[in-house]
Amino acid sequence: MSKKIKEFGEDTLSNNLTGDLFESAHPVEEAGRGSPLADRMRPTSLDLFLGQEELVGEGAILRRMIEEDRLSSVIFWGPPGSGKTTLARLIADRTGSQFLEYSAVTSGSREMKAVMVHAKGIRRNSGKRTILFVDEVHRFNRAQQDAFLPYVENGDVILIGATTENPSFEVNAALLSRSKVFVFYPLTVDQIKDLVLRSISEDTELSGTDLKLSEKALEIICANADGDARRALNALESAELLARVDSEGRKRIGAGEVTRAIQGKSLAYDKSGEEHYNIISALHKSIRGSDPDASLYWLARMLEAGEDRRYLLRRLARVAVEDVGMADPAALIHASAASQAFDFMGVPEGDLILAHLVIYLSMAPKSNSVYRAFGAAVRDVEKKPAYQVPLHIRNAPTELMKGLNYGKGYEYSHDMPYSLSHHSFFPEELGERKYYRPGDSGREKDIAVRLQETRKRIAELRKGKDEKRK
């Protein structure tokens, strides 16, 4: 089809492409022998669909929309293997719509526009609708997504866009406003288990081998799947190739066969996607909440998924100043030392340094006073005029500047009682501000006492100065 579309301009496309293009794209094609197990096990009805009960269970909103044939364009957002493609095919089959399936990874906007132009002609001539399923729709840029808008708005196509990324960030706002977003969740362990056992008993290619799966092997498959039905079935299919054959010719799959088949756990993680930000948020908040155990878990998740260690060290330095702060000023020193030590040791030995730092930060007393104080100062700078520096604290390196009263009246703090000056160091128009308000944890308790004494003495100096002037 891609070749044919390239041979025709958009104006002649609807006249030259025939209905055969759509007729050949049957909504749900039956998987033949030799197809992957995940394809052979696709359900043929909504009642057999596994998971997503809140969407397609009895009385659920999406199910009612399907059954009453009132579905408009939608976005399916969820992790791989949660049923997005399967449900799109079931919708097309149930509603008797033409079904075309594409991936934004391999298809271009010109091809998509040509398909929609032809779908518009089909709808105008026969009244039959077309469901256009676009997998990884977030891979299209903003301009490419805009191309869908007129056809979606007019109902020429029912767009079902599938994405593993948060639509709020990855899908054009105009397209989002014309589509309803349905969230898919990973399958539960029990649902994965049910699917695997059903496959062994119902799939014609597996059931004919008298295949037996040990409890431990089933447990490993379910744990490795992480809620991904496709991953579970692929693991089963690979393990079947390694199955032992007993004396009676029956195939047996144990823990060893499954472990060799999956070759280690593959964590669902995207260094630039939402899961990356979800997990770093979980790590940061676990440290802030003084939970070293949860902090270590999220750290391990990121390390095992291959996260950049330098990124983690930078984020942990941020935690040291934002959440520990002046309650333990040494936290920033520890973060800096950890960075240097990691550079010296590298991976994998250096990962233990990250674990050490995470535990230290988790158990340190917490204060966000630096974060709040700096935020308050920035807000004043942003919202108020850029007041001039008071003359008495300006530098006066030349006679001209001295003649303009730069530095006039300045008192050197070290020459004053308690090394404190009565001066105000703020612009007169702004007045005195108190941004820093110490907390009562760790070292900051002592700092709070010192600051209180300092402010009291400065107030006394200013009072004395005023009385002398009188």
Protein backbone atom coordinates (compact mmCIF):
# COMPACT_ATOMS: atom_id res chain seq x y z
CA MET A 1 0.00 0.00 0.00
CA SER A 2 2.81 2.42 0.84
CA LYS A 3 4.26 1.96 -2.65
CA LYS A 4 0.89 2.53 -4.28
CA ILE A 5 0.29 5.70 -2.32
CA LYS A 6 3.66 7.11 -3.33
CA GLU A 7 2.74 6.62 -7.01
CA PHE A 8 -0.37 8.82 -6.79
CA GLY A 9 -0.92 12.40 -5.77
CA GLU A 10 -3.49 13.15 -3.12
CA ASP A 11 -5.96 14.51 -5.69
CA THR A 12 -6.01 11.32 -7.72
CA LEU A 13 -5.69 8.92 -4.84
CA SER A 14 -9.38 8.43 -4.10
CA ASN A 15 -10.03 7.74 -7.78
CA ASN A 16 -7.21 5.25 -8.23
CA LEU A 17 -7.16 3.28 -4.99
CA THR A 18 -9.88 0.66 -4.93
CA GLY A 19 -11.96 -0.77 -2.15
CA ASP A 20 -9.71 -3.83 -2.32
CA LEU A 21 -7.29 -1.94 -0.11
CA PHE A 22 -9.87 -1.83 2.64
CA GLU A 23 -11.49 -5.17 1.94
CA SER A 24 -8.15 -6.90 2.40
CA ALA A 25 -7.67 -5.32 5.81
CA HIS A 26 -10.09 -7.55 7.71
CA PRO A 27 -10.79 -6.32 11.25
CA VAL A 28 -9.56 -9.46 12.95
CA GLU A 29 -7.54 -11.85 10.88
CA GLU A 30 -7.27 -15.37 12.19
CA ALA A 31 -3.70 -16.23 13.13
CA GLY A 32 -2.45 -19.14 11.10
CA ARG A 33 -0.11 -21.93 12.03
CA GLY A 34 3.39 -20.65 12.64
CA SER A 35 2.19 -17.27 13.91
CA PRO A 36 3.58 -16.19 17.30
CA LEU A 37 1.72 -17.59 20.29
CA ALA A 38 0.79 -14.06 21.40
CA ASP A 39 -0.98 -13.56 18.07
CA ARG A 40 -2.69 -16.95 18.14
CA MET A 41 -4.07 -16.27 21.62
CA ARG A 42 -5.76 -12.97 20.80
CA PRO A 43 -9.37 -13.14 22.05
CA THR A 44 -12.17 -13.15 19.50
CA SER A 45 -14.79 -11.45 21.69
CA LEU A 46 -15.05 -8.90 24.47
CA ASP A 47 -16.05 -11.64 26.91
CA LEU A 48 -12.68 -13.32 26.37
CA PHE A 49 -10.69 -10.11 26.67
CA LEU A 50 -8.32 -10.30 29.64
CA GLY A 51 -7.88 -7.38 32.04
CA GLN A 52 -9.06 -3.75 31.90
CA GLU A 53 -12.30 -4.56 33.72
CA GLU A 54 -12.96 -0.88 34.41
CA LEU A 55 -13.06 -0.27 30.66
CA VAL A 56 -14.63 -3.36 29.12
CA GLY A 57 -16.23 -5.22 32.02
CA GLU A 58 -20.01 -5.53 32.18
CA GLY A 59 -21.53 -2.04 32.27
CA ALA A 60 -18.18 -0.27 31.84
CA ILE A 61 -18.19 2.92 29.80
CA LEU A 62 -16.01 1.77 26.92
CA ARG A 63 -17.91 -1.49 26.60
CA ARG A 64 -21.21 0.38 26.39
CA MET A 65 -19.82 2.68 23.74
CA ILE A 66 -18.75 -0.37 21.72
CA GLU A 67 -21.97 -2.33 22.18
CA GLU A 68 -24.12 0.68 21.31
CA ASP A 69 -21.85 1.53 18.37
CA ARG A 70 -21.26 5.05 19.69
CA LEU A 71 -17.50 5.05 19.73
CA SER A 72 -15.70 8.20 18.58
CA SER A 73 -11.96 8.74 18.28
CA VAL A 74 -10.02 7.59 21.33
CA ILE A 75 -6.50 7.37 22.70
CA PHE A 76 -5.47 4.13 24.41
CA TRP A 77 -2.68 4.89 26.90
CA GLY A 78 -0.96 2.04 28.65
CA PRO A 79 2.13 -0.17 28.90
CA PRO A 80 3.08 -2.77 26.27
CA GLY A 81 1.10 -5.98 26.32
CA SER A 82 -1.93 -4.54 28.10
CA GLY A 83 -4.35 -5.19 25.22
CA LYS A 84 -4.51 -1.93 23.26
CA THR A 85 -4.12 -3.45 19.78
CA THR A 86 -6.30 -6.43 20.59
CA LEU A 87 -9.15 -4.25 21.82
CA ALA A 88 -8.94 -2.03 18.74
CA ARG A 89 -9.38 -5.12 16.53
CA LEU A 90 -12.30 -6.33 18.63
CA ILE A 91 -13.98 -2.93 18.33
CA ALA A 92 -13.71 -3.00 14.55
CA ASP A 93 -15.09 -6.55 14.42
CA ARG A 94 -17.95 -5.78 16.78
CA THR A 95 -18.99 -2.60 14.95
CA GLY A 96 -18.51 -4.00 11.43
CA SER A 97 -16.09 -1.23 10.53
CA GLN A 98 -13.24 -1.34 8.09
CA PHE A 99 -10.02 -1.76 10.06
CA LEU A 100 -6.61 -0.44 9.10
CA GLU A 101 -3.62 -0.84 11.37
CA TYR A 102 -0.45 1.24 11.15
CA SER A 103 2.53 2.14 13.26
CA ALA A 104 3.78 5.69 13.56
CA VAL A 105 7.29 4.22 13.59
CA THR A 106 7.06 3.06 9.96
CA SER A 107 4.30 5.22 8.46
CA GLY A 108 4.46 8.83 7.29
CA SER A 109 1.95 11.67 7.44
CA ARG A 110 1.42 11.59 3.65
CA GLU A 111 0.44 7.96 3.81
CA MET A 112 -1.93 8.62 6.71
CA LYS A 113 -3.54 11.55 4.91
CA ALA A 114 -4.05 9.46 1.78
CA VAL A 115 -5.74 6.73 3.81
CA MET A 116 -8.06 9.26 5.45
CA VAL A 117 -8.96 10.86 2.11
CA HIS A 118 -9.97 7.47 0.77
CA ALA A 119 -11.84 6.58 3.98
CA LYS A 120 -13.82 9.79 3.54
CA GLY A 121 -14.82 8.65 0.05
CA ILE A 122 -15.84 5.20 1.32
CA ARG A 123 -18.00 6.77 4.03
CA ARG A 124 -19.61 9.17 1.56
CA ASN A 125 -20.37 6.44 -1.00
CA SER A 126 -21.33 3.48 1.18
CA GLY A 127 -21.78 4.85 4.70
CA LYS A 128 -19.23 2.36 6.03
CA ARG A 129 -16.85 3.73 8.61
CA THR A 130 -13.15 3.11 8.90
CA ILE A 131 -11.31 2.52 12.13
CA LEU A 132 -7.75 3.73 11.76
CA PHE A 133 -5.54 2.21 14.43
CA VAL A 134 -2.20 3.98 14.83
CA ASP A 135 0.24 2.34 17.22
CA GLU A 136 2.88 4.50 18.93
CA VAL A 137 0.92 7.58 17.87
CA HIS A 138 3.18 9.73 20.06
CA ARG A 139 5.99 9.14 17.54
CA PHE A 140 4.23 11.51 15.12
CA ASN A 141 5.31 15.13 15.62
CA ARG A 142 2.82 17.94 16.27
CA ALA A 143 2.38 18.81 12.60
CA GLN A 144 1.81 15.17 11.66
CA GLN A 145 -0.79 14.79 14.40
CA ASP A 146 -2.53 17.93 13.11
CA ALA A 147 -3.21 16.11 9.83
CA PHE A 148 -5.74 13.88 11.62
CA LEU A 149 -7.84 16.77 12.93
CA PRO A 150 -10.29 17.52 10.06
CA TYR A 151 -11.00 13.84 9.41
CA VAL A 152 -11.46 13.04 13.10
CA GLU A 153 -13.67 16.07 13.67
CA ASN A 154 -15.90 15.25 10.69
CA GLY A 155 -16.13 11.58 11.63
CA ASP A 156 -14.55 10.42 8.36
CA VAL A 157 -12.38 8.06 10.38
CA ILE A 158 -12.53 6.78 13.92
CA LEU A 159 -8.98 7.17 15.11
CA ILE A 160 -7.74 4.79 17.78
CA GLY A 161 -4.30 6.00 18.78
CA ALA A 162 -2.23 3.77 21.04
CA THR A 163 0.63 5.12 23.12
CA THR A 164 2.88 4.02 25.94
CA GLU A 165 3.69 7.65 26.77
CA ASN A 166 1.62 10.15 28.72
CA PRO A 167 -0.73 11.80 26.18
CA SER A 168 -0.64 15.03 28.18
CA PHE A 169 2.94 15.53 27.02
CA GLU A 170 3.15 13.58 23.76
CA VAL A 171 -0.19 14.08 21.97
CA ASN A 172 -1.23 17.36 20.35
CA ALA A 173 -3.66 19.28 22.57
CA ALA A 174 -6.01 19.81 19.62
CA LEU A 175 -6.13 16.08 18.92
CA LEU A 176 -6.58 15.33 22.63
CA SER A 177 -9.58 17.66 22.78
CA ARG A 178 -11.26 15.63 20.02
CA SER A 179 -10.49 12.25 21.57
CA LYS A 180 -11.30 10.48 24.79
CA VAL A 181 -8.34 9.00 26.64
CA PHE A 182 -8.70 5.52 28.14
CA VAL A 183 -5.99 4.33 30.51
CA PHE A 184 -4.83 0.70 30.32
CA TYR A 185 -3.04 -0.93 33.25
CA PRO A 186 -0.60 -3.86 33.40
CA LEU A 187 -2.24 -7.24 33.81
CA THR A 188 -2.17 -8.72 37.30
CA VAL A 189 -0.11 -11.79 38.15
CA ASP A 190 -3.31 -13.87 38.38
CA GLN A 191 -4.41 -12.69 34.92
CA ILE A 192 -1.01 -13.53 33.44
CA LYS A 193 -1.14 -16.93 35.11
CA ASP A 194 -4.60 -17.58 33.70
CA LEU A 195 -3.46 -16.58 30.22
CA VAL A 196 -0.41 -18.87 30.30
CA LEU A 197 -2.43 -21.88 31.50
CA ARG A 198 -5.15 -21.21 28.93
CA SER A 199 -2.51 -21.09 26.21
CA ILE A 200 -1.18 -24.51 27.17
CA SER A 201 -4.63 -26.07 27.14
CA GLU A 202 -6.32 -24.16 24.28
CA ASP A 203 -3.64 -23.33 21.71
CA THR A 204 -3.65 -26.08 19.08
CA GLU A 205 0.10 -26.06 18.60
CA LEU A 206 0.90 -26.28 22.32
CA SER A 207 -1.92 -28.54 23.45
CA GLY A 208 -0.90 -31.21 20.96
CA THR A 209 2.50 -31.60 22.61
CA ASP A 210 1.14 -32.70 26.01
CA LEU A 211 3.07 -29.83 27.57
CA LYS A 212 3.45 -29.59 31.35
CA LEU A 213 4.66 -26.47 33.18
CA SER A 214 6.02 -26.66 36.73
CA GLU A 215 4.70 -24.29 39.39
CA LYS A 216 8.12 -22.68 39.74
CA ALA A 217 8.38 -22.17 35.98
CA LEU A 218 4.94 -20.55 35.94
CA GLU A 219 5.94 -18.29 38.82
CA ILE A 220 9.08 -17.14 36.97
CA ILE A 221 7.13 -16.39 33.78
CA CYS A 222 4.56 -14.33 35.68
CA ALA A 223 7.19 -12.42 37.64
CA ASN A 224 9.22 -11.66 34.52
CA ALA A 225 6.19 -10.50 32.53
CA ASP A 226 5.61 -7.34 34.63
CA GLY A 227 1.96 -7.32 33.53
CA ASP A 228 2.83 -7.68 29.82
CA ALA A 229 0.78 -10.49 28.22
CA ARG A 230 2.96 -10.57 25.11
CA ARG A 231 6.14 -10.94 27.13
CA ALA A 232 4.64 -13.81 29.13
CA LEU A 233 3.53 -15.71 26.02
CA ASN A 234 6.84 -15.11 24.28
CA ALA A 235 8.63 -16.54 27.32
CA LEU A 236 6.36 -19.60 27.29
CA GLU A 237 6.90 -20.11 23.57
CA SER A 238 10.69 -19.87 23.93
CA ALA A 239 10.70 -22.20 26.92
CA GLU A 240 8.69 -24.77 24.94
CA LEU A 241 11.58 -25.02 22.48
CA LEU A 242 13.88 -25.92 25.39
CA ALA A 243 11.41 -28.30 27.05
CA ARG A 244 12.65 -31.68 28.22
CA VAL A 245 10.95 -34.76 26.76
CA ASP A 246 10.31 -37.54 29.26
CA SER A 247 10.31 -41.26 28.59
CA GLU A 248 6.67 -41.15 27.50
CA GLY A 249 7.29 -38.40 24.96
CA ARG A 250 5.67 -35.63 27.01
CA LYS A 251 7.24 -32.18 27.13
CA ARG A 252 8.20 -30.77 30.51
CA ILE A 253 9.14 -27.16 31.31
CA GLY A 254 10.85 -26.44 34.61
CA ALA A 255 12.43 -23.38 36.17
CA GLY A 256 15.71 -24.03 34.36
CA GLU A 257 14.14 -24.00 30.92
CA VAL A 258 12.24 -20.78 31.62
CA THR A 259 15.30 -19.05 33.08
CA ARG A 260 17.36 -19.93 30.01
CA ALA A 261 14.53 -18.85 27.71
CA ILE A 262 14.04 -15.38 29.17
CA GLN A 263 17.79 -14.76 29.77
CA GLY A 264 17.31 -12.31 32.60
CA LYS A 265 14.57 -9.87 33.47
CA SER A 266 14.00 -6.91 31.20
CA LEU A 267 12.67 -3.96 33.17
CA ALA A 268 10.10 -1.66 31.59
CA TYR A 269 11.95 1.65 31.62
CA ASP A 270 12.51 4.54 29.26
CA LYS A 271 15.29 6.96 30.17
CA SER A 272 13.45 9.85 28.53
CA GLY A 273 9.86 8.71 29.06
CA GLU A 274 7.32 9.00 31.81
CA GLU A 275 8.46 5.90 33.71
CA HIS A 276 11.87 7.53 34.15
CA TYR A 277 10.27 10.55 35.80
CA ASN A 278 7.87 8.41 37.83
CA ILE A 279 10.68 6.39 39.37
CA ILE A 280 13.05 9.29 40.06
CA SER A 281 10.10 11.02 41.73
CA ALA A 282 9.51 7.91 43.85
CA LEU A 283 13.20 7.83 44.84
CA HIS A 284 13.27 11.54 45.73
CA LYS A 285 10.08 11.36 47.79
CA SER A 286 11.16 8.18 49.59
CA ILE A 287 14.38 9.91 50.70
CA ARG A 288 12.41 13.01 51.71
CA GLY A 289 10.13 10.71 53.72
CA SER A 290 13.15 9.20 55.55
CA ASP A 291 12.48 5.67 54.26
CA PRO A 292 15.85 4.10 53.40
CA ASP A 293 14.30 0.79 52.37
CA ALA A 294 11.94 2.22 49.76
CA SER A 295 14.72 4.54 48.62
CA LEU A 296 17.03 1.59 47.99
CA TYR A 297 14.30 -0.23 46.07
CA TRP A 298 13.73 2.65 43.65
CA LEU A 299 17.47 3.19 43.31
CA ALA A 300 17.90 -0.48 42.41
CA ARG A 301 15.09 -0.22 39.85
CA MET A 302 16.87 2.62 38.10
CA LEU A 303 20.32 1.07 38.26
CA GLU A 304 19.15 -2.31 36.96
CA ALA A 305 17.36 -0.58 34.07
CA GLY A 306 20.62 1.09 33.06
CA GLU A 307 20.01 4.63 34.28
CA ASP A 308 22.89 7.09 33.90
CA ARG A 309 24.72 7.12 37.24
CA ARG A 310 25.84 10.71 36.76
CA TYR A 311 22.19 11.76 36.45
CA LEU A 312 21.41 10.01 39.74
CA LEU A 313 24.34 11.68 41.48
CA ARG A 314 23.15 15.09 40.30
CA ARG A 315 19.63 14.40 41.55
CA LEU A 316 20.93 13.20 44.92
CA ALA A 317 22.99 16.38 45.28
CA ARG A 318 19.75 18.28 44.71
CA VAL A 319 18.09 16.24 47.47
CA ALA A 320 20.99 17.12 49.77
CA VAL A 321 20.29 20.85 49.47
CA GLU A 322 16.51 20.83 48.92
CA ASP A 323 15.38 18.33 51.54
CA VAL A 324 18.25 17.96 54.01
CA GLY A 325 19.68 21.43 53.67
CA MET A 326 20.89 23.22 56.78
CA ALA A 327 19.62 20.46 59.06
CA ASP A 328 22.81 18.64 58.02
CA PRO A 329 25.06 20.90 55.90
CA ALA A 330 27.47 17.97 55.54
CA ALA A 331 24.93 16.23 53.27
CA LEU A 332 26.08 18.30 50.31
CA ILE A 333 29.69 17.45 51.14
CA HIS A 334 28.77 13.76 51.17
CA ALA A 335 27.01 14.11 47.81
CA SER A 336 30.06 15.80 46.31
CA ALA A 337 32.38 13.17 47.78
CA ALA A 338 30.15 10.40 46.43
CA SER A 339 30.42 11.88 42.95
CA GLN A 340 34.21 11.97 43.13
CA ALA A 341 34.43 8.45 44.56
CA PHE A 342 32.12 7.10 41.85
CA ASP A 343 34.36 8.59 39.16
CA PHE A 344 37.29 6.81 40.82
CA MET A 345 35.56 3.40 41.07
CA GLY A 346 33.13 3.23 38.16
CA VAL A 347 30.49 0.53 37.57
CA PRO A 348 29.58 -1.84 39.14
CA GLU A 349 31.58 -1.13 42.32
CA GLY A 350 30.50 2.50 42.33
CA ASP A 351 26.83 1.55 42.60
CA LEU A 352 27.47 0.81 46.26
CA ILE A 353 28.50 4.45 46.70
CA LEU A 354 25.10 5.51 45.38
CA ALA A 355 23.42 3.14 47.84
CA HIS A 356 25.54 4.59 50.66
CA LEU A 357 24.55 8.14 49.75
CA VAL A 358 20.86 7.22 49.45
CA ILE A 359 20.84 5.71 52.95
CA TYR A 360 22.74 8.71 54.38
CA LEU A 361 20.28 11.19 52.86
CA SER A 362 17.29 9.10 53.94
CA MET A 363 18.41 9.06 57.57
CA ALA A 364 19.62 12.67 57.72
CA PRO A 365 17.44 15.25 59.51
CA LYS A 366 15.31 17.14 57.03
CA SER A 367 14.80 20.83 56.35
CA ASN A 368 13.64 22.67 53.24
CA SER A 369 14.43 26.11 54.69
CA VAL A 370 17.10 26.81 52.03
CA TYR A 371 14.65 25.87 49.28
CA ARG A 372 11.94 28.11 50.73
CA ALA A 373 14.28 31.01 51.48
CA PHE A 374 15.78 31.07 48.01
CA GLY A 375 12.33 30.75 46.43
CA ALA A 376 11.10 33.77 48.40
CA ALA A 377 14.13 35.83 47.33
CA VAL A 378 13.62 34.88 43.68
CA ARG A 379 9.96 35.89 43.84
CA ASP A 380 10.93 39.34 45.15
CA VAL A 381 13.45 39.73 42.34
CA GLU A 382 10.89 38.68 39.73
CA LYS A 383 7.98 40.78 41.00
CA LYS A 384 9.64 43.95 42.25
CA PRO A 385 11.74 46.61 40.49
CA ALA A 386 15.52 46.16 40.25
CA TYR A 387 16.32 48.63 43.05
CA GLN A 388 19.71 50.33 43.14
CA VAL A 389 22.43 49.05 45.46
CA PRO A 390 22.55 51.33 48.54
CA LEU A 391 25.45 53.82 48.34
CA HIS A 392 27.05 52.80 51.63
CA ILE A 393 27.70 49.21 50.46
CA ARG A 394 28.90 50.09 46.96
CA ASN A 395 32.55 49.62 46.12
CA ALA A 396 34.54 52.84 45.59
CA PRO A 397 37.83 52.08 43.83
CA THR A 398 38.17 55.56 42.22
CA GLU A 399 38.09 59.16 43.49
CA LEU A 400 35.15 59.91 41.23
CA MET A 401 33.13 57.18 42.84
CA LYS A 402 34.12 58.33 46.30
CA GLY A 403 33.01 61.83 45.31
CA LEU A 404 29.61 60.37 44.43
CA ASN A 405 29.37 58.98 48.00
CA TYR A 406 30.03 55.37 46.99
CA GLY A 407 30.87 53.53 50.21
CA LYS A 408 30.24 56.57 52.40
CA GLY A 409 29.35 55.67 55.98
CA TYR A 410 30.13 52.00 55.61
CA GLU A 411 31.29 50.35 58.82
CA TYR A 412 33.61 47.37 58.54
CA SER A 413 31.80 44.54 60.35
CA HIS A 414 34.96 43.06 61.86
CA ASP A 415 35.67 46.33 63.62
CA MET A 416 32.24 46.36 65.27
CA PRO A 417 31.00 44.64 68.47
CA TYR A 418 30.29 40.96 67.84
CA SER A 419 31.56 41.58 64.26
CA LEU A 420 28.11 42.91 63.44
CA SER A 421 27.14 46.11 61.64
CA HIS A 422 24.02 48.16 62.20
CA HIS A 423 23.70 48.66 58.44
CA SER A 424 20.77 47.45 56.40
CA PHE A 425 22.07 45.65 53.35
CA PHE A 426 18.77 45.75 51.48
CA PRO A 427 17.66 48.48 49.06
CA GLU A 428 15.77 51.11 51.05
CA GLU A 429 12.70 50.76 48.83
CA LEU A 430 12.49 47.04 49.51
CA GLY A 431 12.97 47.26 53.22
CA GLU A 432 14.15 44.50 55.54
CA ARG A 433 13.17 40.98 54.47
CA LYS A 434 13.41 37.70 56.33
CA TYR A 435 13.69 34.91 53.78
CA TYR A 436 15.56 32.37 55.83
CA ARG A 437 13.53 30.77 58.60
CA PRO A 438 15.48 27.90 60.17
CA GLY A 439 13.82 24.61 60.96
CA ASP A 440 14.15 22.73 64.22
CA SER A 441 15.88 19.54 62.99
CA GLY A 442 19.51 18.53 63.32
CA ARG A 443 22.18 21.21 63.12
CA GLU A 444 19.60 23.82 62.18
CA LYS A 445 18.39 24.00 65.77
CA ASP A 446 21.74 25.54 66.71
CA ILE A 447 21.67 27.77 63.62
CA ALA A 448 18.21 29.01 64.63
CA VAL A 449 19.51 30.03 68.05
CA ARG A 450 22.52 31.83 66.53
CA LEU A 451 20.35 33.62 63.96
CA GLN A 452 17.95 34.76 66.65
CA GLU A 453 20.81 36.14 68.75
CA THR A 454 22.35 37.81 65.69
CA ARG A 455 19.14 39.54 64.69
CA LYS A 456 18.56 40.67 68.29
CA ARG A 457 22.05 42.21 68.55
CA ILE A 458 21.70 43.96 65.18
CA ALA A 459 18.40 45.44 66.36
CA GLU A 460 20.13 46.70 69.52
CA LEU A 461 22.96 48.25 67.47
CA ARG A 462 20.49 50.04 65.25
CA LYS A 463 18.53 51.28 68.25
CA GLY A 464 21.73 52.64 69.82
CA LYS A 465 22.71 54.31 66.60
CA ASP A 466 19.34 56.01 66.34
CA GLU A 467 19.56 57.25 69.93
CA LYS A 468 23.00 58.80 69.25
CA ARG A 469 21.59 60.64 66.30
CA LYS A 470 18.92 62.14 68.52
